[in-house]
Amino acid sequence: MEFDAGGTLLRVIIVPELQPHAFTILGWNVEDIAATIRQLNAKGVYCEKYDFMDQDELGVWDSPGGSKVAWFKDPDGNVLSLTQ
């Protein structure tokens, strides 16, 4: 199926076997990453914490370029991200 997501084409397919990958498959740019994460936490969604990254208590990593990034998983184990 194809969807028009505000001018961006989004394709969704059914796969015979799900193999979640270790990398981000979908991400969103947000205005306030901390507020967005707190809203997700209130719904039972928590960010991943990685031993090899310096993340804050919410799971936010400050990239060298100044972006703030956090990752979480969907119910199927796919890695999703937020960036501010």
PDB file of N, CA and C in Angstrom:
ATOM      1  N   MET A   1       0.843  -1.162   0.000  1.00  0.00           N
ATOM      2  CA  MET A   1       0.000   0.000   0.000  1.00  0.00           C
ATOM      3  C   MET A   1       0.894   1.231   0.000  1.00  0.00           C
ATOM      4  N   GLU A   2       0.408   2.277  -0.614  1.00  0.00           N
ATOM      5  CA  GLU A   2       1.113   3.550  -0.607  1.00  0.00           C
ATOM      6  C   GLU A   2       0.228   4.612   0.025  1.00  0.00           C
ATOM      7  N   PHE A   3       0.852   5.470   0.833  1.00  0.00           N
ATOM      8  CA  PHE A   3       0.147   6.545   1.504  1.00  0.00           C
ATOM      9  C   PHE A   3       0.842   7.866   1.204  1.00  0.00           C
ATOM     10  N   ASP A   4       0.068   8.939   1.146  1.00  0.00           N
ATOM     11  CA  ASP A   4       0.620  10.274   1.042  1.00  0.00           C
ATOM     12  C   ASP A   4       0.702  10.818   2.460  1.00  0.00           C
ATOM     13  N   ALA A   5       1.924  10.879   2.987  1.00  0.00           N
ATOM     14  CA  ALA A   5       2.143  11.348   4.357  1.00  0.00           C
ATOM     15  C   ALA A   5       2.600  12.799   4.308  1.00  0.00           C
ATOM     16  N   GLY A   6       1.670  13.693   4.048  1.00  0.00           N
ATOM     17  CA  GLY A   6       2.001  15.111   3.988  1.00  0.00           C
ATOM     18  C   GLY A   6       2.946  15.448   2.851  1.00  0.00           C
ATOM     19  N   GLY A   7       2.763  14.784   1.724  1.00  0.00           N
ATOM     20  CA  GLY A   7       3.612  15.028   0.570  1.00  0.00           C
ATOM     21  C   GLY A   7       4.780  14.057   0.445  1.00  0.00           C
ATOM     22  N   THR A   8       4.943  13.186   1.429  1.00  0.00           N
ATOM     23  CA  THR A   8       5.990  12.173   1.383  1.00  0.00           C
ATOM     24  C   THR A   8       5.338  10.823   1.121  1.00  0.00           C
ATOM     25  N   LEU A   9       5.858  10.100   0.146  1.00  0.00           N
ATOM     26  CA  LEU A   9       5.330   8.781  -0.170  1.00  0.00           C
ATOM     27  C   LEU A   9       5.772   7.789   0.897  1.00  0.00           C
ATOM     28  N   LEU A  10       4.810   7.071   1.480  1.00  0.00           N
ATOM     29  CA  LEU A  10       5.085   6.047   2.479  1.00  0.00           C
ATOM     30  C   LEU A  10       4.550   4.731   1.936  1.00  0.00           C
ATOM     31  N   ARG A  11       5.436   3.756   1.764  1.00  0.00           N
ATOM     32  CA  ARG A  11       5.031   2.431   1.285  1.00  0.00           C
ATOM     33  C   ARG A  11       5.045   1.453   2.453  1.00  0.00           C
ATOM     34  N   VAL A  12       3.998   0.649   2.532  1.00  0.00           N
ATOM     35  CA  VAL A  12       3.864  -0.357   3.571  1.00  0.00           C
ATOM     36  C   VAL A  12       3.620  -1.693   2.889  1.00  0.00           C
ATOM     37  N   ILE A  13       4.397  -2.698   3.286  1.00  0.00           N
ATOM     38  CA  ILE A  13       4.231  -4.019   2.686  1.00  0.00           C
ATOM     39  C   ILE A  13       4.141  -5.072   3.779  1.00  0.00           C
ATOM     40  N   ILE A  14       3.540  -6.171   3.436  1.00  0.00           N
ATOM     41  CA  ILE A  14       3.487  -7.332   4.325  1.00  0.00           C
ATOM     42  C   ILE A  14       4.651  -8.232   3.947  1.00  0.00           C
ATOM     43  N   VAL A  15       5.394  -8.675   4.933  1.00  0.00           N
ATOM     44  CA  VAL A  15       6.510  -9.572   4.678  1.00  0.00           C
ATOM     45  C   VAL A  15       6.199 -10.941   5.280  1.00  0.00           C
ATOM     46  N   PRO A  16       6.661 -12.013   4.643  1.00  0.00           N
ATOM     47  CA  PRO A  16       6.357 -13.349   5.155  1.00  0.00           C
ATOM     48  C   PRO A  16       7.016 -13.650   6.496  1.00  0.00           C
ATOM     49  N   GLU A  17       8.192 -13.034   6.743  1.00  0.00           N
ATOM     50  CA  GLU A  17       8.895 -13.259   8.002  1.00  0.00           C
ATOM     51  C   GLU A  17       9.573 -11.966   8.413  1.00  0.00           C
ATOM     52  N   LEU A  18       9.338 -11.542   9.638  1.00  0.00           N
ATOM     53  CA  LEU A  18       9.911 -10.295  10.124  1.00  0.00           C
ATOM     54  C   LEU A  18      11.305 -10.528  10.671  1.00  0.00           C
ATOM     55  N   GLN A  19      12.254  -9.735  10.196  1.00  0.00           N
ATOM     56  CA  GLN A  19      13.632  -9.761  10.680  1.00  0.00           C
ATOM     57  C   GLN A  19      14.015  -8.340  11.085  1.00  0.00           C
ATOM     58  N   PRO A  20      13.711  -7.924  12.323  1.00  0.00           N
ATOM     59  CA  PRO A  20      14.096  -6.571  12.733  1.00  0.00           C
ATOM     60  C   PRO A  20      15.607  -6.381  12.606  1.00  0.00           C
ATOM     61  N   HIS A  21      16.004  -5.186  12.184  1.00  0.00           N
ATOM     62  CA  HIS A  21      17.413  -4.863  12.024  1.00  0.00           C
ATOM     63  C   HIS A  21      17.895  -4.042  13.211  1.00  0.00           C
ATOM     64  N   ALA A  22      19.200  -3.977  13.377  1.00  0.00           N
ATOM     65  CA  ALA A  22      19.784  -3.250  14.506  1.00  0.00           C
ATOM     66  C   ALA A  22      19.873  -1.749  14.240  1.00  0.00           C
ATOM     67  N   PHE A  23      19.561  -1.327  13.026  1.00  0.00           N
ATOM     68  CA  PHE A  23      19.662   0.089  12.684  1.00  0.00           C
ATOM     69  C   PHE A  23      18.277   0.732  12.608  1.00  0.00           C
ATOM     70  N   THR A  24      18.251   2.049  12.599  1.00  0.00           N
ATOM     71  CA  THR A  24      17.006   2.813  12.552  1.00  0.00           C
ATOM     72  C   THR A  24      16.321   2.617  11.204  1.00  0.00           C
ATOM     73  N   ILE A  25      15.026   2.276  11.234  1.00  0.00           N
ATOM     74  CA  ILE A  25      14.290   2.116   9.974  1.00  0.00           C
ATOM     75  C   ILE A  25      13.346   3.281   9.704  1.00  0.00           C
ATOM     76  N   LEU A  26      13.041   4.067  10.738  1.00  0.00           N
ATOM     77  CA  LEU A  26      12.129   5.194  10.581  1.00  0.00           C
ATOM     78  C   LEU A  26      12.392   6.180  11.706  1.00  0.00           C
ATOM     79  N   GLY A  27      12.376   7.468  11.379  1.00  0.00           N
ATOM     80  CA  GLY A  27      12.621   8.472  12.400  1.00  0.00           C
ATOM     81  C   GLY A  27      11.793   9.719  12.190  1.00  0.00           C
ATOM     82  N   TRP A  28      11.667  10.501  13.251  1.00  0.00           N
ATOM     83  CA  TRP A  28      10.898  11.744  13.215  1.00  0.00           C
ATOM     84  C   TRP A  28      11.738  12.880  13.758  1.00  0.00           C
ATOM     85  N   ASN A  29      11.625  14.045  13.136  1.00  0.00           N
ATOM     86  CA  ASN A  29      12.197  15.268  13.684  1.00  0.00           C
ATOM     87  C   ASN A  29      11.154  15.877  14.607  1.00  0.00           C
ATOM     88  N   VAL A  30      11.565  16.238  15.817  1.00  0.00           N
ATOM     89  CA  VAL A  30      10.642  16.804  16.795  1.00  0.00           C
ATOM     90  C   VAL A  30      11.198  18.126  17.321  1.00  0.00           C
ATOM     91  N   GLU A  31      10.310  18.975  17.776  1.00  0.00           N
ATOM     92  CA  GLU A  31      10.710  20.289  18.312  1.00  0.00           C
ATOM     93  C   GLU A  31      11.353  20.176  19.691  1.00  0.00           C
ATOM     94  N   ASP A  32      10.816  19.304  20.531  1.00  0.00           N
ATOM     95  CA  ASP A  32      11.286  19.168  21.915  1.00  0.00           C
ATOM     96  C   ASP A  32      11.404  17.681  22.226  1.00  0.00           C
ATOM     97  N   ILE A  33      12.615  17.148  22.087  1.00  0.00           N
ATOM     98  CA  ILE A  33      12.807  15.706  22.233  1.00  0.00           C
ATOM     99  C   ILE A  33      12.484  15.224  23.649  1.00  0.00           C
ATOM    100  N   ALA A  34      12.840  15.988  24.669  1.00  0.00           N
ATOM    101  CA  ALA A  34      12.568  15.576  26.052  1.00  0.00           C
ATOM    102  C   ALA A  34      11.067  15.490  26.314  1.00  0.00           C
ATOM    103  N   ALA A  35      10.316  16.477  25.857  1.00  0.00           N
ATOM    104  CA  ALA A  35       8.859  16.458  26.051  1.00  0.00           C
ATOM    105  C   ALA A  35       8.225  15.305  25.282  1.00  0.00           C
ATOM    106  N   THR A  36       8.718  15.050  24.081  1.00  0.00           N
ATOM    107  CA  THR A  36       8.180  13.944  23.276  1.00  0.00           C
ATOM    108  C   THR A  36       8.453  12.608  23.957  1.00  0.00           C
ATOM    109  N   ILE A  37       9.659  12.438  24.483  1.00  0.00           N
ATOM    110  CA  ILE A  37       9.993  11.186  25.172  1.00  0.00           C
ATOM    111  C   ILE A  37       9.138  11.016  26.420  1.00  0.00           C
ATOM    112  N   ARG A  38       8.913  12.077  27.158  1.00  0.00           N
ATOM    113  CA  ARG A  38       8.062  11.973  28.358  1.00  0.00           C
ATOM    114  C   ARG A  38       6.638  11.575  27.981  1.00  0.00           C
ATOM    115  N   GLN A  39       6.145  12.074  26.855  1.00  0.00           N
ATOM    116  CA  GLN A  39       4.809  11.673  26.377  1.00  0.00           C
ATOM    117  C   GLN A  39       4.797  10.185  26.012  1.00  0.00           C
ATOM    118  N   LEU A  40       5.861   9.722  25.374  1.00  0.00           N
ATOM    119  CA  LEU A  40       5.959   8.294  25.043  1.00  0.00           C
ATOM    120  C   LEU A  40       6.070   7.457  26.308  1.00  0.00           C
ATOM    121  N   ASN A  41       6.881   7.909  27.275  1.00  0.00           N
ATOM    122  CA  ASN A  41       7.028   7.190  28.545  1.00  0.00           C
ATOM    123  C   ASN A  41       5.679   7.023  29.240  1.00  0.00           C
ATOM    124  N   ALA A  42       4.841   8.055  29.191  1.00  0.00           N
ATOM    125  CA  ALA A  42       3.519   8.007  29.820  1.00  0.00           C
ATOM    126  C   ALA A  42       2.635   6.933  29.187  1.00  0.00           C
ATOM    127  N   LYS A  43       2.982   6.539  27.953  1.00  0.00           N
ATOM    128  CA  LYS A  43       2.224   5.498  27.245  1.00  0.00           C
ATOM    129  C   LYS A  43       2.942   4.157  27.280  1.00  0.00           C
ATOM    130  N   GLY A  44       4.011   4.068  28.089  1.00  0.00           N
ATOM    131  CA  GLY A  44       4.726   2.805  28.242  1.00  0.00           C
ATOM    132  C   GLY A  44       5.821   2.557  27.217  1.00  0.00           C
ATOM    133  N   VAL A  45       6.224   3.586  26.478  1.00  0.00           N
ATOM    134  CA  VAL A  45       7.292   3.465  25.478  1.00  0.00           C
ATOM    135  C   VAL A  45       8.543   4.136  26.037  1.00  0.00           C
ATOM    136  N   TYR A  46       9.643   3.391  26.087  1.00  0.00           N
ATOM    137  CA  TYR A  46      10.890   3.906  26.659  1.00  0.00           C
ATOM    138  C   TYR A  46      12.023   3.791  25.649  1.00  0.00           C
ATOM    139  N   CYS A  47      12.933   4.728  25.715  1.00  0.00           N
ATOM    140  CA  CYS A  47      14.056   4.756  24.789  1.00  0.00           C
ATOM    141  C   CYS A  47      15.087   3.695  25.151  1.00  0.00           C
ATOM    142  N   GLU A  48      15.776   3.260  24.124  1.00  0.00           N
ATOM    143  CA  GLU A  48      16.859   2.300  24.285  1.00  0.00           C
ATOM    144  C   GLU A  48      18.071   2.998  24.892  1.00  0.00           C
ATOM    145  N   LYS A  49      18.807   2.268  25.698  1.00  0.00           N
ATOM    146  CA  LYS A  49      20.064   2.783  26.267  1.00  0.00           C
ATOM    147  C   LYS A  49      21.168   1.853  25.767  1.00  0.00           C
ATOM    148  N   TYR A  50      22.191   2.460  25.171  1.00  0.00           N
ATOM    149  CA  TYR A  50      23.295   1.709  24.594  1.00  0.00           C
ATOM    150  C   TYR A  50      24.559   1.934  25.411  1.00  0.00           C
ATOM    151  N   ASP A  51      25.263   0.857  25.739  1.00  0.00           N
ATOM    152  CA  ASP A  51      26.482   0.934  26.552  1.00  0.00           C
ATOM    153  C   ASP A  51      27.589   1.734  25.881  1.00  0.00           C
ATOM    154  N   PHE A  52      27.594   1.777  24.560  1.00  0.00           N
ATOM    155  CA  PHE A  52      28.685   2.434  23.834  1.00  0.00           C
ATOM    156  C   PHE A  52      28.425   3.916  23.555  1.00  0.00           C
ATOM    157  N   MET A  53      27.298   4.461  24.083  1.00  0.00           N
ATOM    158  CA  MET A  53      26.967   5.873  23.877  1.00  0.00           C
ATOM    159  C   MET A  53      26.761   6.569  25.207  1.00  0.00           C
ATOM    160  N   ASP A  54      27.052   7.857  25.232  1.00  0.00           N
ATOM    161  CA  ASP A  54      26.811   8.675  26.414  1.00  0.00           C
ATOM    162  C   ASP A  54      25.421   9.309  26.263  1.00  0.00           C
ATOM    163  N   GLN A  55      24.433   8.694  26.897  1.00  0.00           N
ATOM    164  CA  GLN A  55      23.047   9.160  26.819  1.00  0.00           C
ATOM    165  C   GLN A  55      22.605   9.672  28.181  1.00  0.00           C
ATOM    166  N   ASP A  56      21.636  10.607  28.166  1.00  0.00           N
ATOM    167  CA  ASP A  56      21.111  11.105  29.433  1.00  0.00           C
ATOM    168  C   ASP A  56      20.076  10.135  29.990  1.00  0.00           C
ATOM    169  N   GLU A  57      19.422  10.535  31.083  1.00  0.00           N
ATOM    170  CA  GLU A  57      18.473   9.645  31.774  1.00  0.00           C
ATOM    171  C   GLU A  57      17.271   9.272  30.915  1.00  0.00           C
ATOM    172  N   LEU A  58      16.944  10.078  29.906  1.00  0.00           N
ATOM    173  CA  LEU A  58      15.826   9.765  29.009  1.00  0.00           C
ATOM    174  C   LEU A  58      16.260   8.913  27.815  1.00  0.00           C
ATOM    175  N   GLY A  59      17.569   8.757  27.636  1.00  0.00           N
ATOM    176  CA  GLY A  59      18.087   8.002  26.510  1.00  0.00           C
ATOM    177  C   GLY A  59      18.508   8.879  25.348  1.00  0.00           C
ATOM    178  N   VAL A  60      18.662  10.184  25.590  1.00  0.00           N
ATOM    179  CA  VAL A  60      19.026  11.130  24.533  1.00  0.00           C
ATOM    180  C   VAL A  60      20.548  11.211  24.408  1.00  0.00           C
ATOM    181  N   TRP A  61      21.022  11.128  23.174  1.00  0.00           N
ATOM    182  CA  TRP A  61      22.444  11.267  22.857  1.00  0.00           C
ATOM    183  C   TRP A  61      22.649  12.596  22.152  1.00  0.00           C
ATOM    184  N   ASP A  62      23.648  13.361  22.570  1.00  0.00           N
ATOM    185  CA  ASP A  62      24.013  14.612  21.908  1.00  0.00           C
ATOM    186  C   ASP A  62      25.056  14.300  20.856  1.00  0.00           C
ATOM    187  N   SER A  63      24.689  14.449  19.583  1.00  0.00           N
ATOM    188  CA  SER A  63      25.614  14.137  18.493  1.00  0.00           C
ATOM    189  C   SER A  63      26.683  15.223  18.380  1.00  0.00           C
ATOM    190  N   PRO A  64      27.823  14.911  17.770  1.00  0.00           N
ATOM    191  CA  PRO A  64      28.875  15.913  17.594  1.00  0.00           C
ATOM    192  C   PRO A  64      28.397  17.141  16.809  1.00  0.00           C
ATOM    193  N   GLY A  65      27.405  16.962  15.935  1.00  0.00           N
ATOM    194  CA  GLY A  65      26.887  18.075  15.147  1.00  0.00           C
ATOM    195  C   GLY A  65      25.866  18.933  15.875  1.00  0.00           C
ATOM    196  N   GLY A  66      25.502  18.542  17.111  1.00  0.00           N
ATOM    197  CA  GLY A  66      24.566  19.322  17.905  1.00  0.00           C
ATOM    198  C   GLY A  66      23.146  18.785  17.953  1.00  0.00           C
ATOM    199  N   SER A  67      22.834  17.790  17.127  1.00  0.00           N
ATOM    200  CA  SER A  67      21.496  17.187  17.183  1.00  0.00           C
ATOM    201  C   SER A  67      21.360  16.337  18.432  1.00  0.00           C
ATOM    202  N   LYS A  68      20.145  16.240  18.912  1.00  0.00           N
ATOM    203  CA  LYS A  68      19.822  15.341  20.019  1.00  0.00           C
ATOM    204  C   LYS A  68      19.034  14.181  19.403  1.00  0.00           C
ATOM    205  N   VAL A  69      19.440  12.946  19.721  1.00  0.00           N
ATOM    206  CA  VAL A  69      18.842  11.768  19.103  1.00  0.00           C
ATOM    207  C   VAL A  69      18.516  10.740  20.175  1.00  0.00           C
ATOM    208  N   ALA A  70      17.385  10.065  20.008  1.00  0.00           N
ATOM    209  CA  ALA A  70      17.002   8.963  20.893  1.00  0.00           C
ATOM    210  C   ALA A  70      16.339   7.882  20.056  1.00  0.00           C
ATOM    211  N   TRP A  71      16.446   6.647  20.522  1.00  0.00           N
ATOM    212  CA  TRP A  71      15.914   5.501  19.792  1.00  0.00           C
ATOM    213  C   TRP A  71      14.974   4.709  20.681  1.00  0.00           C
ATOM    214  N   PHE A  72      13.964   4.136  20.062  1.00  0.00           N
ATOM    215  CA  PHE A  72      13.049   3.238  20.765  1.00  0.00           C
ATOM    216  C   PHE A  72      12.602   2.172  19.783  1.00  0.00           C
ATOM    217  N   LYS A  73      11.956   1.134  20.281  1.00  0.00           N
ATOM    218  CA  LYS A  73      11.531   0.037  19.410  1.00  0.00           C
ATOM    219  C   LYS A  73      10.016  -0.022  19.322  1.00  0.00           C
ATOM    220  N   ASP A  74       9.536  -0.409  18.153  1.00  0.00           N
ATOM    221  CA  ASP A  74       8.101  -0.636  17.986  1.00  0.00           C
ATOM    222  C   ASP A  74       7.781  -2.036  18.520  1.00  0.00           C
ATOM    223  N   PRO A  75       6.499  -2.428  18.566  1.00  0.00           N
ATOM    224  CA  PRO A  75       6.156  -3.739  19.128  1.00  0.00           C
ATOM    225  C   PRO A  75       6.798  -4.925  18.399  1.00  0.00           C
ATOM    226  N   ASP A  76       7.227  -4.732  17.142  1.00  0.00           N
ATOM    227  CA  ASP A  76       7.868  -5.811  16.394  1.00  0.00           C
ATOM    228  C   ASP A  76       9.382  -5.825  16.559  1.00  0.00           C
ATOM    229  N   GLY A  77       9.938  -4.876  17.314  1.00  0.00           N
ATOM    230  CA  GLY A  77      11.369  -4.835  17.542  1.00  0.00           C
ATOM    231  C   GLY A  77      12.147  -3.968  16.562  1.00  0.00           C
ATOM    232  N   ASN A  78      11.448  -3.245  15.678  1.00  0.00           N
ATOM    233  CA  ASN A  78      12.116  -2.330  14.755  1.00  0.00           C
ATOM    234  C   ASN A  78      12.608  -1.105  15.514  1.00  0.00           C
ATOM    235  N   VAL A  79      13.783  -0.607  15.154  1.00  0.00           N
ATOM    236  CA  VAL A  79      14.363   0.569  15.809  1.00  0.00           C
ATOM    237  C   VAL A  79      13.841   1.837  15.129  1.00  0.00           C
ATOM    238  N   LEU A  80      13.271   2.709  15.933  1.00  0.00           N
ATOM    239  CA  LEU A  80      12.735   4.001  15.481  1.00  0.00           C
ATOM    240  C   LEU A  80      13.501   5.100  16.207  1.00  0.00           C
ATOM    241  N   SER A  81      13.510   6.308  15.639  1.00  0.00           N
ATOM    242  CA  SER A  81      14.274   7.373  16.286  1.00  0.00           C
ATOM    243  C   SER A  81      13.534   8.689  16.326  1.00  0.00           C
ATOM    244  N   LEU A  82      13.989   9.525  17.256  1.00  0.00           N
ATOM    245  CA  LEU A  82      13.549  10.919  17.367  1.00  0.00           C
ATOM    246  C   LEU A  82      14.796  11.780  17.262  1.00  0.00           C
ATOM    247  N   THR A  83      14.705  12.896  16.558  1.00  0.00           N
ATOM    248  CA  THR A  83      15.830  13.831  16.443  1.00  0.00           C
ATOM    249  C   THR A  83      15.333  15.244  16.668  1.00  0.00           C
ATOM    250  N   GLN A  84      16.088  15.975  17.445  1.00  0.00           N
ATOM    251  CA  GLN A  84      15.805  17.417  17.646  1.00  0.00           C
ATOM    252  C   GLN A  84      17.019  18.186  17.167  1.00  0.00           C
TER     253      GLN A  84
END
